[in-house]
N, C-alpha and C. Protein backbone atom coordinates (compact mmCIF):
# COMPACT_ATOMS: atom_id res chain seq x y z
N MET A 1 -20.33 -5.83 -1.13
CA MET A 1 -19.34 -5.24 -0.69
C MET A 1 -19.22 -4.02 -1.52
N ASP A 2 -18.89 -2.93 -0.57
CA ASP A 2 -18.84 -1.49 -0.98
C ASP A 2 -17.48 -1.16 -1.40
N LEU A 3 -17.76 -0.87 -2.71
CA LEU A 3 -16.55 -0.60 -3.68
C LEU A 3 -15.81 0.35 -3.43
N GLU A 4 -16.24 1.49 -2.81
CA GLU A 4 -15.49 2.57 -2.73
C GLU A 4 -14.94 2.51 -1.53
N ASN A 5 -15.58 1.56 -0.78
CA ASN A 5 -14.54 1.43 0.50
C ASN A 5 -13.22 0.42 0.67
N ALA A 6 -13.40 -0.46 -0.24
CA ALA A 6 -12.19 -1.54 -0.75
C ALA A 6 -11.36 -0.78 -1.26
N LYS A 7 -11.69 0.33 -2.17
CA LYS A 7 -10.46 1.19 -3.14
C LYS A 7 -10.09 2.15 -1.68
N ALA A 8 -10.78 2.62 -0.91
CA ALA A 8 -10.44 3.44 0.26
C ALA A 8 -9.35 2.48 1.55
N GLN A 9 -9.62 1.45 1.53
CA GLN A 9 -8.79 0.47 2.21
C GLN A 9 -7.38 0.26 1.63
N MET A 10 -7.29 0.16 0.33
CA MET A 10 -6.30 0.00 -0.40
C MET A 10 -5.48 0.80 -0.30
N ARG A 11 -5.88 2.34 -0.52
CA ARG A 11 -5.12 3.36 -0.10
C ARG A 11 -4.27 3.26 1.17
N LYS A 12 -5.31 3.70 1.99
CA LYS A 12 -4.86 3.56 3.59
C LYS A 12 -3.82 2.47 3.44
N GLY A 13 -3.64 1.45 2.94
CA GLY A 13 -2.45 0.40 3.34
C GLY A 13 -1.00 0.75 2.83
N VAL A 14 -1.13 1.79 1.74
CA VAL A 14 0.20 2.39 1.21
C VAL A 14 0.08 3.68 1.69
N LEU A 15 -0.77 4.03 2.45
CA LEU A 15 -0.26 5.73 2.72
C LEU A 15 1.03 5.90 3.16
N GLU A 16 1.53 5.23 4.32
CA GLU A 16 2.74 5.37 5.21
C GLU A 16 3.72 5.50 3.94
N MET A 17 3.83 4.40 3.12
CA MET A 17 4.89 3.99 2.08
C MET A 17 4.84 5.60 1.12
N CYS A 18 4.17 6.12 0.79
CA CYS A 18 3.65 7.17 0.29
C CYS A 18 4.27 8.73 1.01
N VAL A 19 3.59 8.76 1.91
CA VAL A 19 4.12 9.75 2.70
C VAL A 19 5.76 9.65 3.37
N LEU A 20 6.37 8.63 3.40
CA LEU A 20 7.77 8.52 3.63
C LEU A 20 8.58 9.02 2.01
N SER A 21 7.96 8.65 1.18
CA SER A 21 8.60 8.91 -0.11
C SER A 21 8.39 10.44 -0.47
N VAL A 22 7.48 10.74 0.14
CA VAL A 22 7.14 12.50 -0.26
C VAL A 22 8.11 13.04 0.30
N ILE A 23 8.65 12.73 2.17
CA ILE A 23 9.63 13.00 2.69
C ILE A 23 10.45 13.04 2.07
N ALA A 24 10.84 12.10 1.95
CA ALA A 24 12.33 11.31 1.29
C ALA A 24 12.90 12.35 -0.12
N SER A 25 11.50 13.22 -0.95
CA SER A 25 12.18 13.84 -1.97
C SER A 25 12.78 15.10 -1.25
N ARG A 26 12.20 15.64 -0.40
CA ARG A 26 12.90 17.05 -0.23
C ARG A 26 12.02 16.95 1.42
N GLU A 27 12.69 18.22 2.41
CA GLU A 27 12.19 18.72 3.37
C GLU A 27 10.97 19.27 3.18
N THR A 28 9.82 18.74 3.77
CA THR A 28 8.82 19.23 3.75
C THR A 28 7.55 19.36 4.87
N TYR A 29 6.52 20.23 4.72
CA TYR A 29 5.61 20.40 6.03
C TYR A 29 4.17 19.96 5.63
N PRO A 30 3.38 19.58 6.64
CA PRO A 30 2.50 18.54 6.09
C PRO A 30 1.16 19.08 5.08
N PRO A 31 1.23 20.26 5.03
CA PRO A 31 0.12 20.84 3.94
C PRO A 31 0.97 20.47 2.50
N GLU A 32 2.10 20.54 2.37
CA GLU A 32 2.70 19.98 1.24
C GLU A 32 2.50 18.55 0.98
N ILE A 33 2.58 17.89 2.00
CA ILE A 33 2.58 16.45 1.93
C ILE A 33 1.30 15.96 1.17
N LYS A 34 0.18 16.68 2.10
CA LYS A 34 -1.02 16.49 1.48
C LYS A 34 -1.75 16.91 0.38
N ASP A 35 -1.01 18.12 -0.20
CA ASP A 35 -1.04 18.32 -1.93
C ASP A 35 -0.54 17.44 -2.40
N LYS A 36 0.68 16.95 -2.20
CA LYS A 36 1.61 16.22 -3.09
C LYS A 36 0.47 14.84 -3.54
N LEU A 37 0.11 14.40 -2.23
CA LEU A 37 -0.62 13.14 -2.33
C LEU A 37 -2.22 13.06 -2.81
N GLU A 38 -2.81 14.39 -2.72
CA GLU A 38 -3.96 14.70 -3.45
C GLU A 38 -3.67 15.04 -5.09
N GLY A 39 -2.66 15.14 -5.33
CA GLY A 39 -2.04 15.15 -6.72
C GLY A 39 -1.85 13.80 -7.50
N THR A 40 -1.59 12.84 -6.56
CA THR A 40 -1.61 11.89 -7.31
C THR A 40 -3.29 10.82 -6.97
N ASN A 41 -4.04 11.14 -6.94
CA ASN A 41 -5.21 10.56 -6.30
C ASN A 41 -5.18 9.65 -4.68
N LEU A 42 -4.30 10.17 -4.18
CA LEU A 42 -4.40 9.52 -2.95
C LEU A 42 -4.98 10.69 -1.91
N PHE A 43 -6.04 10.64 -1.56
CA PHE A 43 -6.55 11.81 -1.08
C PHE A 43 -6.40 11.66 0.89
N VAL A 44 -5.89 12.36 1.45
CA VAL A 44 -5.67 12.07 2.84
C VAL A 44 -6.15 13.54 3.53
N LYS A 45 -6.83 12.74 4.56
CA LYS A 45 -7.43 14.13 5.64
C LYS A 45 -6.61 14.37 6.61
N GLU A 46 -6.24 15.62 7.30
CA GLU A 46 -5.26 16.30 8.29
C GLU A 46 -5.71 14.86 9.43
N GLY A 47 -6.84 14.85 9.59
CA GLY A 47 -7.01 13.56 10.72
C GLY A 47 -6.22 12.55 10.75
N THR A 48 -5.97 12.17 9.49
CA THR A 48 -4.96 11.08 9.40
C THR A 48 -3.58 11.05 9.10
N LEU A 49 -3.42 12.32 8.36
CA LEU A 49 -1.78 12.19 8.05
C LEU A 49 -1.03 13.13 9.20
N TYR A 50 -1.55 13.67 10.38
CA TYR A 50 -0.77 14.25 11.40
C TYR A 50 -0.54 12.90 12.76
N PRO A 51 -1.61 11.89 12.65
CA PRO A 51 -1.24 11.26 13.73
C PRO A 51 -0.31 9.98 13.17
N LEU A 52 -0.34 9.82 11.96
CA LEU A 52 0.84 9.09 11.06
C LEU A 52 1.98 9.58 11.37
N LEU A 53 2.20 11.21 10.86
CA LEU A 53 3.38 11.55 11.34
C LEU A 53 4.14 11.74 12.40
N VAL A 54 3.27 11.49 13.49
CA VAL A 54 3.86 11.65 14.92
C VAL A 54 4.25 9.89 15.34
N ARG A 55 3.52 9.05 14.64
CA ARG A 55 3.99 7.80 14.49
C ARG A 55 5.07 7.18 13.90
N LEU A 56 5.37 8.11 12.87
CA LEU A 56 6.92 7.96 11.90
C LEU A 56 7.58 8.66 12.79
N LYS A 57 7.85 9.94 13.28
CA LYS A 57 8.70 10.40 13.80
C LYS A 57 8.84 9.58 15.34
N ASN A 58 7.97 9.20 16.26
CA ASN A 58 8.11 7.75 17.21
C ASN A 58 9.05 6.87 16.65
N ASP A 59 8.93 6.51 15.71
CA ASP A 59 9.70 5.27 15.37
C ASP A 59 10.96 5.38 14.73
N GLY A 60 11.39 6.78 14.78
CA GLY A 60 12.63 7.22 14.42
C GLY A 60 12.79 7.35 12.90
N LEU A 61 11.80 7.23 11.84
CA LEU A 61 11.94 7.15 10.55
C LEU A 61 11.78 8.39 10.18
N VAL A 62 11.33 9.79 10.40
CA VAL A 62 11.12 10.62 10.40
C VAL A 62 11.64 11.57 11.53
N ASP A 63 12.01 13.00 11.02
CA ASP A 63 12.57 14.07 12.13
C ASP A 63 11.80 15.31 11.65
N TYR A 64 11.87 16.16 12.43
CA TYR A 64 11.32 17.74 11.91
C TYR A 64 12.14 18.75 12.79
N ILE A 65 12.08 19.87 11.96
CA ILE A 65 12.98 21.19 12.31
C ILE A 65 11.59 22.20 12.27
N TRP A 66 11.80 23.24 13.31
CA TRP A 66 10.71 24.45 13.16
C TRP A 66 11.39 25.64 12.44
N ARG A 67 10.88 25.91 11.25
CA ARG A 67 11.23 26.78 10.34
C ARG A 67 10.20 27.99 10.63
N GLU A 68 10.67 29.40 10.42
CA GLU A 68 9.92 30.51 10.65
C GLU A 68 9.11 30.42 9.09
N GLY A 69 7.74 30.84 9.15
CA GLY A 69 6.74 30.99 7.79
C GLY A 69 7.10 32.37 7.55
N LYS A 70 7.15 32.65 6.16
CA LYS A 70 6.96 33.48 5.66
C LYS A 70 5.92 34.77 5.92
N ASN A 71 4.71 34.37 5.99
CA ASN A 71 3.82 35.31 6.11
C ASN A 71 2.98 34.56 7.37
N GLY A 72 3.45 33.83 8.27
CA GLY A 72 2.51 33.63 9.51
C GLY A 72 3.60 32.57 10.61
N PRO A 73 3.04 31.67 11.35
CA PRO A 73 3.40 31.19 12.53
C PRO A 73 4.55 30.24 11.94
N PRO A 74 5.65 29.93 13.09
CA PRO A 74 6.41 28.94 12.51
C PRO A 74 6.05 27.38 11.94
N ARG A 75 6.40 26.65 11.12
CA ARG A 75 5.97 25.58 10.56
C ARG A 75 7.00 24.45 11.03
N LYS A 76 6.33 23.36 11.03
CA LYS A 76 7.15 21.86 11.44
C LYS A 76 7.53 21.31 10.03
N TYR A 77 8.83 21.45 9.52
CA TYR A 77 9.03 20.99 8.38
C TYR A 77 9.89 19.25 8.83
N PHE A 78 9.05 18.21 7.69
CA PHE A 78 9.76 17.16 8.43
C PHE A 78 10.94 16.45 6.96
N THR A 79 11.93 15.87 7.65
CA THR A 79 12.61 15.21 7.00
C THR A 79 12.89 13.73 7.16
N ILE A 80 13.47 12.75 6.23
CA ILE A 80 13.62 11.72 6.52
C ILE A 80 14.92 10.79 7.03
N THR A 81 14.78 9.95 8.40
CA THR A 81 16.25 9.80 8.96
C THR A 81 16.76 8.70 7.94
N GLU A 82 18.08 8.05 8.19
CA GLU A 82 18.76 7.09 7.74
C GLU A 82 17.57 5.98 7.94
N ASP A 83 17.25 5.83 9.10
CA ASP A 83 16.76 4.18 9.23
C ASP A 83 15.26 4.64 8.52
N GLY A 84 14.65 5.97 8.26
CA GLY A 84 13.42 5.73 7.33
C GLY A 84 13.80 5.46 5.79
N LYS A 85 14.78 5.91 5.52
CA LYS A 85 15.88 5.73 4.14
C LYS A 85 15.49 4.09 3.59
N LYS A 86 16.02 3.57 4.72
CA LYS A 86 16.25 2.04 4.81
C LYS A 86 14.92 1.46 4.85
N PHE A 87 14.01 1.88 5.61
CA PHE A 87 12.95 1.17 5.83
C PHE A 87 11.59 1.58 4.59
N LEU A 88 11.81 2.29 3.72
CA LEU A 88 11.12 3.01 2.48
C LEU A 88 11.75 2.01 1.62
N GLU A 89 12.99 1.81 1.66
CA GLU A 89 13.63 1.14 0.43
C GLU A 89 13.30 -0.38 0.63
N GLU A 90 13.20 -0.98 1.77
CA GLU A 90 12.63 -2.22 2.12
C GLU A 90 11.08 -2.20 1.80
N LEU A 91 10.37 -1.08 2.32
CA LEU A 91 9.01 -1.42 2.21
C LEU A 91 8.68 -1.01 0.60
N THR A 92 9.41 -0.36 -0.20
CA THR A 92 9.16 -0.26 -1.51
C THR A 92 9.56 -1.50 -2.05
N GLY A 93 10.34 -2.33 -1.89
CA GLY A 93 10.96 -3.83 -2.55
C GLY A 93 9.49 -4.59 -2.19
N SER A 94 9.04 -4.26 -1.11
CA SER A 94 8.35 -5.68 -0.61
C SER A 94 6.94 -5.00 -1.52
N TRP A 95 6.86 -3.63 -1.79
CA TRP A 95 5.55 -3.19 -2.41
C TRP A 95 5.47 -3.95 -4.25
N ARG A 96 6.90 -3.65 -4.64
CA ARG A 96 6.98 -4.20 -5.88
C ARG A 96 6.84 -5.56 -5.95
N GLU A 97 7.35 -6.45 -5.08
CA GLU A 97 7.10 -7.82 -5.13
C GLU A 97 5.35 -7.96 -5.27
N LEU A 98 4.66 -7.51 -4.19
CA LEU A 98 3.50 -7.34 -4.23
C LEU A 98 2.51 -7.43 -5.16
N VAL A 99 2.78 -6.08 -5.97
CA VAL A 99 2.29 -5.72 -7.22
C VAL A 99 2.46 -6.71 -8.39
N HIS A 100 3.88 -7.47 -8.14
CA HIS A 100 4.25 -8.30 -9.07
C HIS A 100 3.33 -9.74 -8.98
N ALA A 101 2.85 -10.15 -7.81
CA ALA A 101 2.51 -11.08 -7.60
C ALA A 101 1.00 -10.80 -8.15
N VAL A 102 0.53 -9.40 -7.55
CA VAL A 102 -1.25 -9.54 -7.77
C VAL A 102 -1.33 -9.10 -9.30
N ASP A 103 -0.27 -8.42 -10.39
CA ASP A 103 -0.31 -8.39 -11.52
C ASP A 103 -0.28 -9.95 -12.56
N GLN A 104 0.52 -10.47 -11.49
CA GLN A 104 0.58 -12.24 -12.19
C GLN A 104 -0.64 -13.16 -12.07
N THR A 105 -1.40 -12.63 -10.82
CA THR A 105 -2.56 -13.43 -10.46
C THR A 105 -3.69 -13.08 -11.44
N LEU A 106 -3.69 -11.23 -11.82
CA LEU A 106 -4.75 -10.96 -12.66
C LEU A 106 -4.48 -11.48 -13.93
N ASP A 107 -3.23 -11.21 -14.54
CA ASP A 107 -2.77 -11.48 -16.05
C ASP A 107 -3.06 -12.79 -16.27
N GLY A 108 -2.93 -13.71 -14.89
CA GLY A 108 -3.49 -15.50 -15.33
C GLY A 108 -4.94 -15.42 -15.72
N HIS A 109 -5.58 -14.57 -14.54
CA HIS A 109 -6.92 -14.69 -14.61
C HIS A 109 -7.58 -14.38 -16.11
N LEU A 110 -7.19 -13.13 -16.41
CA LEU A 110 -7.58 -12.47 -17.78
C LEU A 110 -6.98 -13.47 -18.87
N ALA A 111 -5.65 -13.76 -18.70
CA ALA A 111 -5.66 -15.14 -19.79
C ALA A 111 -6.17 -16.20 -19.98
N ALA A 112 -6.68 -16.52 -18.93
CA ALA A 112 -7.47 -17.89 -18.87
C ALA A 112 -8.63 -17.94 -19.24
N ASN A 113 -9.43 -16.37 -18.92
CA ASN A 113 -10.84 -16.04 -19.52
C ASN A 113 -11.00 -15.29 -20.62
N GLY A 114 -9.93 -14.80 -20.68
CA GLY A 114 -9.99 -13.84 -22.15
C GLY A 114 -10.71 -12.29 -22.20
N SER A 115 -11.87 -12.83 -21.14
CA SER A 115 -12.93 -11.06 -21.12
C SER A 115 -12.79 -10.32 -19.70
N GLY A 116 -11.94 -10.61 -18.87
CA GLY A 116 -12.12 -10.04 -17.84
C GLY A 116 -12.99 -10.58 -16.81
N ALA A 117 -13.67 -11.31 -16.95
CA ALA A 117 -14.55 -11.78 -15.63
C ALA A 117 -13.99 -13.38 -15.68
N TYR A 118 -14.40 -13.49 -14.31
CA TYR A 118 -13.70 -14.73 -14.06
C TYR A 118 -14.45 -16.06 -14.53
N PRO A 119 -13.50 -16.94 -14.84
CA PRO A 119 -13.32 -18.43 -15.60
C PRO A 119 -14.32 -18.98 -14.97
N GLU A 120 -15.40 -19.92 -15.81
CA GLU A 120 -16.00 -20.94 -14.68
C GLU A 120 -15.18 -21.93 -14.20
N GLU A 121 -15.69 -22.49 -12.83
CA GLU A 121 -14.59 -23.45 -12.35
C GLU A 121 -14.68 -24.70 -12.84
N PRO A 122 -13.49 -25.25 -13.01
CA PRO A 122 -13.16 -26.73 -13.96
C PRO A 122 -14.43 -27.63 -13.47
N GLU A 123 -15.01 -28.86 -13.96
CA GLU A 123 -15.69 -30.02 -13.48
C GLU A 123 -14.67 -30.57 -12.79
N ALA A 124 -15.60 -30.76 -11.33
CA ALA A 124 -14.45 -31.56 -10.24
C ALA A 124 -14.20 -33.19 -11.17
N PRO A 125 -13.22 -33.86 -10.96
CA PRO A 125 -12.72 -35.08 -11.23
C PRO A 125 -14.14 -36.00 -10.93
N ARG A 126 -13.76 -37.05 -11.79
CA ARG A 126 -15.09 -37.99 -11.08
C ARG A 126 -14.44 -38.78 -9.98
N PRO A 127 -14.88 -39.33 -8.87
CA PRO A 127 -14.36 -39.60 -7.78
C PRO A 127 -14.03 -41.10 -8.20
N LEU A 128 -12.69 -41.52 -7.34
CA LEU A 128 -12.04 -42.72 -7.50
C LEU A 128 -13.09 -43.68 -6.81
N ASN A 129 -13.18 -45.03 -7.40
CA ASN A 129 -13.73 -46.07 -5.96
C ASN A 129 -12.15 -46.36 -5.34
N ILE A 130 -11.89 -46.22 -4.45
CA ILE A 130 -10.85 -46.88 -3.87
C ILE A 130 -11.01 -48.03 -2.59
N GLU A 131 -12.29 -48.35 -2.70
CA GLU A 131 -12.55 -49.29 -1.35
C GLU A 131 -11.68 -50.56 -1.64
N PRO A 132 -11.46 -51.36 -0.76
CA PRO A 132 -10.74 -52.60 -1.05
C PRO A 132 -11.76 -53.76 -1.58
N MET A 133 -11.35 -54.41 -2.65
CA MET A 133 -12.45 -55.42 -3.26
C MET A 133 -12.46 -56.51 -2.04
N PRO A 134 -13.57 -57.28 -1.86
CA PRO A 134 -13.93 -58.23 -1.05
C PRO A 134 -12.63 -59.53 -1.52
N PRO A 135 -12.67 -60.21 -0.64
CA PRO A 135 -11.54 -60.97 -0.54
C PRO A 135 -12.13 -62.12 -1.51
N ASP A 136 -13.67 -62.48 -1.84
CA ASP A 136 -13.90 -63.60 -2.67
C ASP A 136 -14.17 -63.26 -3.83
N ALA A 137 -14.06 -61.54 -4.42
CA ALA A 137 -13.88 -61.19 -5.84
C ALA A 137 -12.90 -61.73 -6.73
């Protein structure tokens, strides 16, 4: 299995929540969102971010307003909607539950082994003879 691919898939799985969180913190435009995420090691390409923003807009979770740029063309600034805030709150709760469950699983694994490697499988119990006894026994 490709470790880098597995790590990328985990990051993609939480990208929507992270983008909503950035937008919830303040009105922002896509390059700022991208920079903020890259500052946390969640690297995102424009080809991923823009379709995600369109989907969030279509789902009513974010809205945008055009604002004049200081030294260039107008920019689309995103804000989170009330539905987006509720969705983010619920998503964050689910994320924390998932992280807790994963941590418990990993901590249990490490505690059982003590080395960080997977413990050996326990020996299977001996099979029981549950065949009926012959009538003359």
